PDB file of N, CA and C in Angstrom:
ATOM      1  N   MET A   1      62.525  21.659  39.266  1.00  0.00           N
ATOM      2  CA  MET A   1      61.982  22.829  39.069  1.00  0.00           C
ATOM      3  C   MET A   1      62.798  23.900  39.734  1.00  0.00           C
ATOM      4  N   ALA A   2      63.177  24.934  39.237  1.00  0.00           N
ATOM      5  CA  ALA A   2      63.852  25.967  40.128  1.00  0.00           C
ATOM      6  C   ALA A   2      62.768  26.765  40.998  1.00  0.00           C
ATOM      7  N   GLU A   3      63.524  27.025  42.102  1.00  0.00           N
ATOM      8  CA  GLU A   3      62.898  27.859  43.235  1.00  0.00           C
ATOM      9  C   GLU A   3      63.330  29.480  43.009  1.00  0.00           C
ATOM     10  N   VAL A   4      62.425  30.262  43.010  1.00  0.00           N
ATOM     11  CA  VAL A   4      62.669  31.815  42.964  1.00  0.00           C
ATOM     12  C   VAL A   4      62.511  32.209  44.606  1.00  0.00           C
ATOM     13  N   ILE A   5      63.266  33.342  44.711  1.00  0.00           N
ATOM     14  CA  ILE A   5      63.196  34.011  45.911  1.00  0.00           C
ATOM     15  C   ILE A   5      62.531  35.389  45.464  1.00  0.00           C
ATOM     16  N   ILE A   6      61.319  35.531  46.078  1.00  0.00           N
ATOM     17  CA  ILE A   6      60.749  36.933  45.960  1.00  0.00           C
ATOM     18  C   ILE A   6      60.617  37.560  47.374  1.00  0.00           C
ATOM     19  N   ARG A   7      60.753  39.033  47.337  1.00  0.00           N
ATOM     20  CA  ARG A   7      60.979  39.602  48.709  1.00  0.00           C
ATOM     21  C   ARG A   7      59.257  39.496  48.897  1.00  0.00           C
ATOM     22  N   GLU A   8      59.270  39.520  50.442  1.00  0.00           N
ATOM     23  CA  GLU A   8      58.054  39.309  51.143  1.00  0.00           C
ATOM     24  C   GLU A   8      57.190  40.393  50.760  1.00  0.00           C
ATOM     25  N   ARG A   9      57.318  41.621  50.703  1.00  0.00           N
ATOM     26  CA  ARG A   9      56.448  42.659  50.426  1.00  0.00           C
ATOM     27  C   ARG A   9      56.025  42.623  49.018  1.00  0.00           C
ATOM     28  N   LEU A  10      56.601  42.187  47.851  1.00  0.00           N
ATOM     29  CA  LEU A  10      56.345  42.251  46.726  1.00  0.00           C
ATOM     30  C   LEU A  10      55.139  40.950  46.461  1.00  0.00           C
ATOM     31  N   TRP A  11      55.746  39.676  47.281  1.00  0.00           N
ATOM     32  CA  TRP A  11      55.084  38.733  47.119  1.00  0.00           C
ATOM     33  C   TRP A  11      53.387  38.876  47.707  1.00  0.00           C
ATOM     34  N   ARG A  12      53.519  39.751  48.922  1.00  0.00           N
ATOM     35  CA  ARG A  12      52.343  40.063  49.536  1.00  0.00           C
ATOM     36  C   ARG A  12      51.332  40.526  48.395  1.00  0.00           C
ATOM     37  N   ASP A  13      52.003  41.694  47.744  1.00  0.00           N
ATOM     38  CA  ASP A  13      51.161  42.526  46.989  1.00  0.00           C
ATOM     39  C   ASP A  13      50.806  41.762  45.537  1.00  0.00           C
ATOM     40  N   PHE A  14      51.682  40.882  45.313  1.00  0.00           N
ATOM     41  CA  PHE A  14      51.315  40.157  44.031  1.00  0.00           C
ATOM     42  C   PHE A  14      49.966  39.301  44.539  1.00  0.00           C
ATOM     43  N   ALA A  15      50.056  38.737  45.327  1.00  0.00           N
ATOM     44  CA  ALA A  15      49.238  37.897  45.947  1.00  0.00           C
ATOM     45  C   ALA A  15      47.783  38.522  46.308  1.00  0.00           C
ATOM     46  N   ALA A  16      47.901  39.626  46.625  1.00  0.00           N
ATOM     47  CA  ALA A  16      46.622  40.502  46.803  1.00  0.00           C
ATOM     48  C   ALA A  16      45.844  40.646  45.482  1.00  0.00           C
ATOM     49  N   VAL A  17      46.974  41.086  44.263  1.00  0.00           N
ATOM     50  CA  VAL A  17      46.196  41.143  42.949  1.00  0.00           C
ATOM     51  C   VAL A  17      45.735  39.586  42.354  1.00  0.00           C
ATOM     52  N   ALA A  18      46.153  38.610  42.863  1.00  0.00           N
ATOM     53  CA  ALA A  18      45.828  37.421  42.433  1.00  0.00           C
ATOM     54  C   ALA A  18      44.459  37.187  43.001  1.00  0.00           C
ATOM     55  N   ARG A  19      44.204  37.272  44.140  1.00  0.00           N
ATOM     56  CA  ARG A  19      43.251  37.486  45.312  1.00  0.00           C
ATOM     57  C   ARG A  19      41.781  37.977  44.412  1.00  0.00           C
ATOM     58  N   GLN A  20      42.189  39.371  43.964  1.00  0.00           N
ATOM     59  CA  GLN A  20      41.110  40.288  43.391  1.00  0.00           C
ATOM     60  C   GLN A  20      40.747  39.446  42.100  1.00  0.00           C
ATOM     61  N   GLU A  21      41.835  38.781  41.249  1.00  0.00           N
ATOM     62  CA  GLU A  21      41.415  38.133  40.256  1.00  0.00           C
ATOM     63  C   GLU A  21      40.825  36.707  40.520  1.00  0.00           C
ATOM     64  N   ARG A  22      40.720  36.347  41.669  1.00  0.00           N
ATOM     65  CA  ARG A  22      40.504  35.136  41.911  1.00  0.00           C
ATOM     66  C   ARG A  22      41.194  33.846  41.144  1.00  0.00           C
ATOM     67  N   ARG A  23      42.855  34.148  41.426  1.00  0.00           N
ATOM     68  CA  ARG A  23      43.577  33.288  40.736  1.00  0.00           C
ATOM     69  C   ARG A  23      44.482  32.742  41.842  1.00  0.00           C
ATOM     70  N   ASN A  24      44.934  31.760  41.578  1.00  0.00           N
ATOM     71  CA  ASN A  24      46.388  31.126  42.658  1.00  0.00           C
ATOM     72  C   ASN A  24      47.549  31.931  42.284  1.00  0.00           C
ATOM     73  N   ALA A  25      47.985  32.402  43.235  1.00  0.00           N
ATOM     74  CA  ALA A  25      49.022  33.413  42.950  1.00  0.00           C
ATOM     75  C   ALA A  25      50.434  32.750  42.213  1.00  0.00           C
ATOM     76  N   GLU A  26      50.610  31.437  42.532  1.00  0.00           N
ATOM     77  CA  GLU A  26      51.596  30.235  42.166  1.00  0.00           C
ATOM     78  C   GLU A  26      51.305  30.531  40.595  1.00  0.00           C
ATOM     79  N   GLU A  27      50.097  29.912  40.152  1.00  0.00           N
ATOM     80  CA  GLU A  27      49.761  30.008  38.809  1.00  0.00           C
ATOM     81  C   GLU A  27      49.832  31.121  38.146  1.00  0.00           C
ATOM     82  N   LEU A  28      49.474  32.365  38.875  1.00  0.00           N
ATOM     83  CA  LEU A  28      49.453  33.660  38.055  1.00  0.00           C
ATOM     84  C   LEU A  28      50.717  33.986  37.922  1.00  0.00           C
ATOM     85  N   ALA A  29      51.756  33.651  38.567  1.00  0.00           N
ATOM     86  CA  ALA A  29      53.266  34.229  38.735  1.00  0.00           C
ATOM     87  C   ALA A  29      53.831  33.276  37.104  1.00  0.00           C
ATOM     88  N   ALA A  30      53.515  32.129  37.516  1.00  0.00           N
ATOM     89  CA  ALA A  30      53.985  30.933  36.146  1.00  0.00           C
ATOM     90  C   ALA A  30      53.427  32.139  35.107  1.00  0.00           C
ATOM     91  N   GLN A  31      52.117  32.390  34.664  1.00  0.00           N
ATOM     92  CA  GLN A  31      51.527  32.909  33.620  1.00  0.00           C
ATOM     93  C   GLN A  31      52.043  34.236  33.091  1.00  0.00           C
ATOM     94  N   VAL A  32      52.711  34.865  34.328  1.00  0.00           N
ATOM     95  CA  VAL A  32      53.083  36.597  34.063  1.00  0.00           C
ATOM     96  C   VAL A  32      54.544  36.041  33.338  1.00  0.00           C
ATOM     97  N   LEU A  33      55.395  34.922  33.818  1.00  0.00           N
ATOM     98  CA  LEU A  33      56.604  34.530  33.484  1.00  0.00           C
ATOM     99  C   LEU A  33      56.712  34.052  31.911  1.00  0.00           C
ATOM    100  N   ARG A  34      55.685  33.246  31.773  1.00  0.00           N
ATOM    101  CA  ARG A  34      55.245  32.697  30.576  1.00  0.00           C
ATOM    102  C   ARG A  34      55.417  33.675  29.525  1.00  0.00           C
ATOM    103  N   ASP A  35      54.288  34.712  29.826  1.00  0.00           N
ATOM    104  CA  ASP A  35      54.065  35.913  28.904  1.00  0.00           C
ATOM    105  C   ASP A  35      54.978  36.911  28.857  1.00  0.00           C
ATOM    106  N   TYR A  36      56.022  36.857  29.812  1.00  0.00           N
ATOM    107  CA  TYR A  36      57.245  37.848  29.485  1.00  0.00           C
ATOM    108  C   TYR A  36      57.959  37.233  28.763  1.00  0.00           C
ATOM    109  N   VAL A  37      58.404  35.998  28.757  1.00  0.00           N
ATOM    110  CA  VAL A  37      59.235  35.023  27.811  1.00  0.00           C
ATOM    111  C   VAL A  37      58.780  34.934  26.289  1.00  0.00           C
ATOM    112  N   GLN A  38      57.460  34.967  26.604  1.00  0.00           N
ATOM    113  CA  GLN A  38      56.854  35.147  25.110  1.00  0.00           C
ATOM    114  C   GLN A  38      57.184  36.601  24.354  1.00  0.00           C
ATOM    115  N   GLN A  39      56.908  37.718  25.173  1.00  0.00           N
ATOM    116  CA  GLN A  39      57.063  38.959  24.706  1.00  0.00           C
ATOM    117  C   GLN A  39      58.493  39.133  24.388  1.00  0.00           C
ATOM    118  N   VAL A  40      59.452  38.967  24.985  1.00  0.00           N
ATOM    119  CA  VAL A  40      60.938  39.055  24.799  1.00  0.00           C
ATOM    120  C   VAL A  40      60.992  38.042  23.344  1.00  0.00           C
ATOM    121  N   ALA A  41      60.673  37.069  23.059  1.00  0.00           N
ATOM    122  CA  ALA A  41      60.639  36.712  21.961  1.00  0.00           C
ATOM    123  C   ALA A  41      60.294  37.162  20.637  1.00  0.00           C
ATOM    124  N   ASP A  42      59.074  37.644  21.014  1.00  0.00           N
ATOM    125  CA  ASP A  42      58.304  38.427  19.965  1.00  0.00           C
ATOM    126  C   ASP A  42      59.319  39.470  19.581  1.00  0.00           C
ATOM    127  N   GLU A  43      59.677  40.294  20.565  1.00  0.00           N
ATOM    128  CA  GLU A  43      60.167  41.647  20.490  1.00  0.00           C
ATOM    129  C   GLU A  43      61.423  41.358  19.487  1.00  0.00           C
ATOM    130  N   GLU A  44      62.202  40.030  19.862  1.00  0.00           N
ATOM    131  CA  GLU A  44      63.370  39.744  18.988  1.00  0.00           C
ATOM    132  C   GLU A  44      63.109  39.334  17.824  1.00  0.00           C
ATOM    133  N   LEU A  45      62.183  38.795  17.503  1.00  0.00           N
ATOM    134  CA  LEU A  45      61.670  38.483  16.139  1.00  0.00           C
ATOM    135  C   LEU A  45      61.258  39.757  15.391  1.00  0.00           C
ATOM    136  N   LEU A  46      60.801  40.729  15.899  1.00  0.00           N
ATOM    137  CA  LEU A  46      60.271  42.027  15.407  1.00  0.00           C
ATOM    138  C   LEU A  46      61.532  42.785  15.125  1.00  0.00           C
ATOM    139  N   GLN A  47      62.453  42.772  15.829  1.00  0.00           N
ATOM    140  CA  GLN A  47      63.856  43.483  15.648  1.00  0.00           C
ATOM    141  C   GLN A  47      64.644  42.641  14.466  1.00  0.00           C
ATOM    142  N   ARG A  48      64.579  41.481  14.460  1.00  0.00           N
ATOM    143  CA  ARG A  48      64.907  40.739  13.441  1.00  0.00           C
ATOM    144  C   ARG A  48      64.102  40.998  11.834  1.00  0.00           C
ATOM    145  N   SER A  49      63.196  41.186  12.122  1.00  0.00           N
ATOM    146  CA  SER A  49      62.367  41.476  10.783  1.00  0.00           C
ATOM    147  C   SER A  49      62.470  42.813  10.043  1.00  0.00           C
ATOM    148  N   GLU A  50      62.374  43.640  11.271  1.00  0.00           N
ATOM    149  CA  GLU A  50      62.780  45.263  11.015  1.00  0.00           C
ATOM    150  C   GLU A  50      64.241  45.217  10.373  1.00  0.00           C
ATOM    151  N   LEU A  51      65.140  44.527  10.800  1.00  0.00           N
ATOM    152  CA  LEU A  51      66.778  44.622  10.233  1.00  0.00           C
ATOM    153  C   LEU A  51      66.456  44.006   8.726  1.00  0.00           C
ATOM    154  N   ALA A  52      65.709  42.901   8.675  1.00  0.00           N
ATOM    155  CA  ALA A  52      65.691  42.190   7.482  1.00  0.00           C
ATOM    156  C   ALA A  52      64.959  43.294   6.622  1.00  0.00           C
ATOM    157  N   ALA A  53      64.115  43.913   6.716  1.00  0.00           N
ATOM    158  CA  ALA A  53      63.105  45.028   5.925  1.00  0.00           C
ATOM    159  C   ALA A  53      64.288  45.660   5.347  1.00  0.00           C
ATOM    160  N   ARG A  54      65.022  46.358   6.359  1.00  0.00           N
ATOM    161  CA  ARG A  54      66.040  47.632   5.947  1.00  0.00           C
ATOM    162  C   ARG A  54      66.701  46.738   4.960  1.00  0.00           C
ATOM    163  N   ARG A  55      67.126  45.804   5.035  1.00  0.00           N
ATOM    164  CA  ARG A  55      68.105  45.165   4.080  1.00  0.00           C
ATOM    165  C   ARG A  55      67.496  44.764   2.854  1.00  0.00           C
ATOM    166  N   ALA A  56      66.285  44.981   2.650  1.00  0.00           N
ATOM    167  CA  ALA A  56      65.382  44.339   1.447  1.00  0.00           C
ATOM    168  C   ALA A  56      66.111  45.230   0.296  1.00  0.00           C
ATOM    169  N   ARG A  57      65.435  44.250  -0.943  1.00  0.00           N
ATOM    170  CA  ARG A  57      66.193  45.098  -2.166  1.00  0.00           C
ATOM    171  C   ARG A  57      65.428  46.354  -2.338  1.00  0.00           C
ATOM    172  N   PHE A  58      63.864  46.216  -2.069  1.00  0.00           N
ATOM    173  CA  PHE A  58      62.988  47.308  -2.542  1.00  0.00           C
ATOM    174  C   PHE A  58      62.629  48.022  -1.259  1.00  0.00           C
ATOM    175  N   PRO A  59      62.485  49.276  -1.255  1.00  0.00           N
ATOM    176  CA  PRO A  59      61.936  49.820   0.279  1.00  0.00           C
ATOM    177  C   PRO A  59      60.321  49.820   0.418  1.00  0.00           C
ATOM    178  N   ILE A  60      59.836  49.477   1.366  1.00  0.00           N
ATOM    179  CA  ILE A  60      58.574  48.932   1.772  1.00  0.00           C
ATOM    180  C   ILE A  60      57.525  49.657   0.990  1.00  0.00           C
ATOM    181  N   ASP A  61      57.521  50.733   0.534  1.00  0.00           N
ATOM    182  CA  ASP A  61      56.462  51.267  -0.299  1.00  0.00           C
ATOM    183  C   ASP A  61      56.427  50.473  -1.727  1.00  0.00           C
ATOM    184  N   LYS A  62      57.540  50.492  -2.388  1.00  0.00           N
ATOM    185  CA  LYS A  62      57.502  49.983  -3.389  1.00  0.00           C
ATOM    186  C   LYS A  62      57.241  48.546  -3.286  1.00  0.00           C
ATOM    187  N   THR A  63      57.651  47.731  -2.512  1.00  0.00           N
ATOM    188  CA  THR A  63      57.349  46.347  -2.018  1.00  0.00           C
ATOM    189  C   THR A  63      55.571  46.136  -2.102  1.00  0.00           C
ATOM    190  N   GLU A  64      55.078  46.993  -1.346  1.00  0.00           N
ATOM    191  CA  GLU A  64      53.671  46.719  -1.149  1.00  0.00           C
ATOM    192  C   GLU A  64      52.770  46.896  -2.538  1.00  0.00           C
ATOM    193  N   GLN A  65      53.771  48.108  -3.247  1.00  0.00           N
ATOM    194  CA  GLN A  65      53.173  47.906  -4.664  1.00  0.00           C
ATOM    195  C   GLN A  65      53.140  47.060  -5.383  1.00  0.00           C
ATOM    196  N   ILE A  66      54.419  46.336  -5.431  1.00  0.00           N
ATOM    197  CA  ILE A  66      54.903  45.208  -6.091  1.00  0.00           C
ATOM    198  C   ILE A  66      53.825  43.921  -5.819  1.00  0.00           C
ATOM    199  N   ILE A  67      53.454  43.819  -4.298  1.00  0.00           N
ATOM    200  CA  ILE A  67      52.708  42.549  -4.010  1.00  0.00           C
ATOM    201  C   ILE A  67      51.243  43.032  -4.433  1.00  0.00           C
ATOM    202  N   ARG A  68      50.471  44.356  -4.347  1.00  0.00           N
ATOM    203  CA  ARG A  68      49.411  44.668  -4.926  1.00  0.00           C
ATOM    204  C   ARG A  68      49.235  44.318  -6.276  1.00  0.00           C
ATOM    205  N   LEU A  69      50.364  44.451  -7.412  1.00  0.00           N
ATOM    206  CA  LEU A  69      50.270  44.235  -8.429  1.00  0.00           C
ATOM    207  C   LEU A  69      50.112  42.860  -8.875  1.00  0.00           C
ATOM    208  N   ALA A  70      50.850  42.110  -7.907  1.00  0.00           N
ATOM    209  CA  ALA A  70      50.899  40.698  -8.342  1.00  0.00           C
ATOM    210  C   ALA A  70      49.777  39.893  -7.898  1.00  0.00           C
ATOM    211  N   ARG A  71      49.240  40.433  -6.739  1.00  0.00           N
ATOM    212  CA  ARG A  71      47.780  39.991  -6.521  1.00  0.00           C
ATOM    213  C   ARG A  71      46.751  40.049  -7.334  1.00  0.00           C
ATOM    214  N   SER A  72      46.949  41.321  -8.191  1.00  0.00           N
ATOM    215  CA  SER A  72      45.804  41.701  -9.093  1.00  0.00           C
ATOM    216  C   SER A  72      45.794  41.082 -10.465  1.00  0.00           C
ATOM    217  N   GLY A  73      47.213  40.671 -10.455  1.00  0.00           N
ATOM    218  CA  GLY A  73      47.628  39.786 -11.841  1.00  0.00           C
ATOM    219  C   GLY A  73      47.986  40.873 -12.745  1.00  0.00           C
ATOM    220  N   ARG A  74      48.608  41.865 -12.342  1.00  0.00           N
ATOM    221  CA  ARG A  74      48.930  42.693 -13.216  1.00  0.00           C
ATOM    222  C   ARG A  74      50.357  43.244 -13.020  1.00  0.00           C
ATOM    223  N   THR A  75      51.319  42.014 -13.238  1.00  0.00           N
ATOM    224  CA  THR A  75      52.594  42.329 -13.042  1.00  0.00           C
ATOM    225  C   THR A  75      53.492  43.067 -13.988  1.00  0.00           C
TER     226      THR A  75
END
């Protein structure tokens, strides 16, 4: 496992927050890092989705209309 160096003042502030939430500071730090990694992955997926939507054959409003018609059986 990698070791990370965090400045003392920042760690004290973080540990204080962890205490207020009745959480172990190391576990909370790990959770924060996992959440950040997930957030970055989600943002990258959103960017790729937006790019794909811009390249789509139909504009989004037309696509929504086509989907509604297909779902209602009136294609």
